[in-house]
Amino acid sequence: MTVVETYPTLDQAARAMGGDAAFLGGGTLVMRAVNEGVAPARLIRVTGPGLSELRVSGDSVRIGAGVTMADVLASRDLEFLHPVARVIGGPQVRNMATVAGNLFAAHPFGDFAAALLALDARVIGAGQGGARPVADVLRDRARAGLVAAIEVPRPRDPKAFGFLKVSRVKPRGVSILSIAAYLPREGGRIRGARVAFGAMGPVPLRSSGAERALEGQSLGAAAIDSAASAATEGLDPPTDEIASAWYRKEVAGVHLKRLLTDMERR
């Protein structure tokens, strides 16, 4: 039997967590575990409003852990993330699925996390000082603790950010893989290229090969071809019921080329 415990603040909830507990946010994943009879003995939830806050500070947006995909789509300050949130499930899922919860969603879910990785987002934990790179949280989800908020830098040029979800069932089937690219430019040259893949490893990962091929280049056919050829360097995609590792490796570069070509034409 699973017991639900409710706390007024996230700090109190963090103190109540243990190996026999899971945090109940939007519930899209946890309630599935409850229905399947594999949920932990305790579910921890918070009633305070802070987790649903959106706050703009300079060039970044602080997104509360409980902000949903529907909230993202309703925010003008997060317009650059609308293409990502729009392909997360259907309306019912988007009304429940949270930004923080997406960090802990294993493939075929968690596409939003790839976008956060490409944008160099930082994660603020409950009762913790400072913020950690989202890559650190993804690398060791089991030790991440409770997330209070996520700080996302806003692209100065919205055209510098692109996202693509690859699925067999359109428009909102589960993803074979997902790709997010942030390619800021100075003087027409890419400076600080970041390319992240979902479903090309155990967690969303950056493509060092694609980034190396793009860095310092103009976004043209030659750079795009080089990035596509190097897209899977160092990546080890899984084989699952959706696609094989071989297939993912074969198509990753093709879809990266598709995304980068679209970004070039904007």
Foldseek 3Di string as FASTA:
>chain_A
DAEEDEDADPLVLLVVDDPQEDECALNPPQVVCVVVVNHGNYYYYHDYPQQQDWDDDPQKIKGRQNHFLVNLCVDPQNVLCVVVSVQADDPVRRVRHGLNVLLVDWPLGNLSLQQQLQQQKWWDARPDPDTHTSVVCSVCVVPNGHTGIIMGGHDPDSLQKWKDFDAPDPDHDRGCKIKIWGFDDDPQATAPIWIWMQQQARGIDTQPQLRVLRHGHHLDDVSLLRSLVSRNVPTHGDQDPRHHSVVCNVCVSVVSSVGSVVSNVD
